[in-house]
Amino acid sequence: MPPWLLRLLRSAAWRRVRWDLVWKAARWLYTRGRDRLEKNLTEKERRELFDLMRKSRGLARNLTAKERQRLRGLVRKAIT
């Protein structure tokens, strides 16, 4: 696991995590961490994560506040 992702995991205040780190973590999960996705998320949650990633296209402003919070939650659940 990359060092930046380990630092993100240790961060207790996930609401204040920079969006670019959340986006990079989600992208890393889909490219290299697929085993974590399959182990920690249900099929419905994986589909929701992918849909939110696609909708945001890497930009936080493309999602509502509730969707951003849900994406953070899914990324955190998938990583831990």
C-alpha atoms as a PDB file:
ATOM      1  CA  MET A   1       0.000   0.000   0.000  1.00  0.00           C
ATOM      2  CA  PRO A   2       1.384   3.440  -0.896  1.00  0.00           C
ATOM      3  CA  PRO A   3       2.631   5.651   1.968  1.00  0.00           C
ATOM      4  CA  TRP A   4       0.167   8.465   1.161  1.00  0.00           C
ATOM      5  CA  LEU A   5      -2.684   5.993   1.548  1.00  0.00           C
ATOM      6  CA  LEU A   6      -1.404   4.853   4.933  1.00  0.00           C
ATOM      7  CA  ARG A   7      -1.301   8.480   6.107  1.00  0.00           C
ATOM      8  CA  LEU A   8      -4.866   8.927   4.908  1.00  0.00           C
ATOM      9  CA  LEU A   9      -5.962   5.878   6.874  1.00  0.00           C
ATOM     10  CA  ARG A  10      -4.465   7.249  10.071  1.00  0.00           C
ATOM     11  CA  SER A  11      -6.308  10.537   9.677  1.00  0.00           C
ATOM     12  CA  ALA A  12      -9.149  10.623  12.191  1.00  0.00           C
ATOM     13  CA  ALA A  13     -10.954  13.591  10.650  1.00  0.00           C
ATOM     14  CA  TRP A  14     -12.187  12.149   7.371  1.00  0.00           C
ATOM     15  CA  ARG A  15     -14.509  15.089   6.787  1.00  0.00           C
ATOM     16  CA  ARG A  16     -11.491  17.358   6.521  1.00  0.00           C
ATOM     17  CA  VAL A  17      -9.473  15.109   4.222  1.00  0.00           C
ATOM     18  CA  ARG A  18      -8.592  16.891   1.013  1.00  0.00           C
ATOM     19  CA  TRP A  19     -10.723  15.840  -1.931  1.00  0.00           C
ATOM     20  CA  ASP A  20      -7.751  14.996  -4.137  1.00  0.00           C
ATOM     21  CA  LEU A  21      -6.590  12.410  -1.576  1.00  0.00           C
ATOM     22  CA  VAL A  22     -10.029  10.815  -1.428  1.00  0.00           C
ATOM     23  CA  TRP A  23     -10.106  10.691  -5.230  1.00  0.00           C
ATOM     24  CA  LYS A  24      -6.611   9.181  -5.446  1.00  0.00           C
ATOM     25  CA  ALA A  25      -7.499   6.567  -2.829  1.00  0.00           C
ATOM     26  CA  ALA A  26     -10.648   5.599  -4.729  1.00  0.00           C
ATOM     27  CA  ARG A  27      -8.704   5.378  -7.982  1.00  0.00           C
ATOM     28  CA  TRP A  28      -6.000   3.275  -6.310  1.00  0.00           C
ATOM     29  CA  LEU A  29      -8.656   0.907  -4.988  1.00  0.00           C
ATOM     30  CA  TYR A  30     -10.022   0.338  -8.483  1.00  0.00           C
ATOM     31  CA  THR A  31      -6.651  -0.099 -10.149  1.00  0.00           C
ATOM     32  CA  ARG A  32      -4.567  -1.968  -7.571  1.00  0.00           C
ATOM     33  CA  GLY A  33      -6.676  -2.655  -4.514  1.00  0.00           C
ATOM     34  CA  ARG A  34      -9.497  -4.649  -6.035  1.00  0.00           C
ATOM     35  CA  ASP A  35      -9.073  -7.399  -3.429  1.00  0.00           C
ATOM     36  CA  ARG A  36      -9.904  -4.851  -0.704  1.00  0.00           C
ATOM     37  CA  LEU A  37     -12.967  -3.730  -2.623  1.00  0.00           C
ATOM     38  CA  GLU A  38     -14.245  -7.269  -2.938  1.00  0.00           C
ATOM     39  CA  LYS A  39     -13.466  -8.123   0.679  1.00  0.00           C
ATOM     40  CA  ASN A  40     -14.804  -4.983   2.377  1.00  0.00           C
ATOM     41  CA  LEU A  41     -17.677  -3.789   0.181  1.00  0.00           C
ATOM     42  CA  THR A  42     -20.836  -5.453  -1.065  1.00  0.00           C
ATOM     43  CA  GLU A  43     -21.601  -5.550  -4.774  1.00  0.00           C
ATOM     44  CA  LYS A  44     -24.101  -2.706  -4.332  1.00  0.00           C
ATOM     45  CA  GLU A  45     -21.521  -0.564  -2.502  1.00  0.00           C
ATOM     46  CA  ARG A  46     -18.870  -1.227  -5.170  1.00  0.00           C
ATOM     47  CA  ARG A  47     -21.312  -0.182  -7.877  1.00  0.00           C
ATOM     48  CA  GLU A  48     -22.254   2.946  -5.890  1.00  0.00           C
ATOM     49  CA  LEU A  49     -18.564   3.836  -5.414  1.00  0.00           C
ATOM     50  CA  PHE A  50     -17.899   3.473  -9.129  1.00  0.00           C
ATOM     51  CA  ASP A  51     -20.992   5.526 -10.037  1.00  0.00           C
ATOM     52  CA  LEU A  52     -19.970   8.337  -7.691  1.00  0.00           C
ATOM     53  CA  MET A  53     -16.427   8.302  -9.084  1.00  0.00           C
ATOM     54  CA  ARG A  54     -17.736   8.458 -12.623  1.00  0.00           C
ATOM     55  CA  LYS A  55     -20.162  11.260 -11.771  1.00  0.00           C
ATOM     56  CA  SER A  56     -17.493  13.357 -10.031  1.00  0.00           C
ATOM     57  CA  ARG A  57     -14.866  12.878 -12.760  1.00  0.00           C
ATOM     58  CA  GLY A  58     -12.309  13.822 -10.114  1.00  0.00           C
ATOM     59  CA  LEU A  59     -13.970  17.115  -9.183  1.00  0.00           C
ATOM     60  CA  ALA A  60     -15.693  17.545  -5.843  1.00  0.00           C
ATOM     61  CA  ARG A  61     -18.029  20.202  -7.212  1.00  0.00           C
ATOM     62  CA  ASN A  62     -19.658  17.628  -9.492  1.00  0.00           C
ATOM     63  CA  LEU A  63     -21.144  15.900  -6.423  1.00  0.00           C
ATOM     64  CA  THR A  64     -23.542  17.129  -3.783  1.00  0.00           C
ATOM     65  CA  ALA A  65     -22.288  17.392  -0.194  1.00  0.00           C
ATOM     66  CA  LYS A  66     -24.168  14.207   0.672  1.00  0.00           C
ATOM     67  CA  GLU A  67     -22.607  12.337  -2.286  1.00  0.00           C
ATOM     68  CA  ARG A  68     -19.107  13.531  -1.321  1.00  0.00           C
ATOM     69  CA  GLN A  69     -19.664  12.319   2.216  1.00  0.00           C
ATOM     70  CA  ARG A  70     -20.924   8.951   0.929  1.00  0.00           C
ATOM     71  CA  LEU A  71     -17.887   8.591  -1.346  1.00  0.00           C
ATOM     72  CA  ARG A  72     -15.548   9.311   1.580  1.00  0.00           C
ATOM     73  CA  GLY A  73     -17.384   6.730   3.662  1.00  0.00           C
ATOM     74  CA  LEU A  74     -17.178   4.072   0.975  1.00  0.00           C
ATOM     75  CA  VAL A  75     -13.469   4.710   0.386  1.00  0.00           C
ATOM     76  CA  ARG A  76     -12.760   4.514   4.095  1.00  0.00           C
ATOM     77  CA  LYS A  77     -14.751   1.289   4.452  1.00  0.00           C
ATOM     78  CA  ALA A  78     -13.028  -0.262   1.451  1.00  0.00           C
ATOM     79  CA  ILE A  79      -9.531   0.593   2.658  1.00  0.00           C
ATOM     80  CA  THR A  80      -9.913  -0.522   6.271  1.00  0.00           C
END
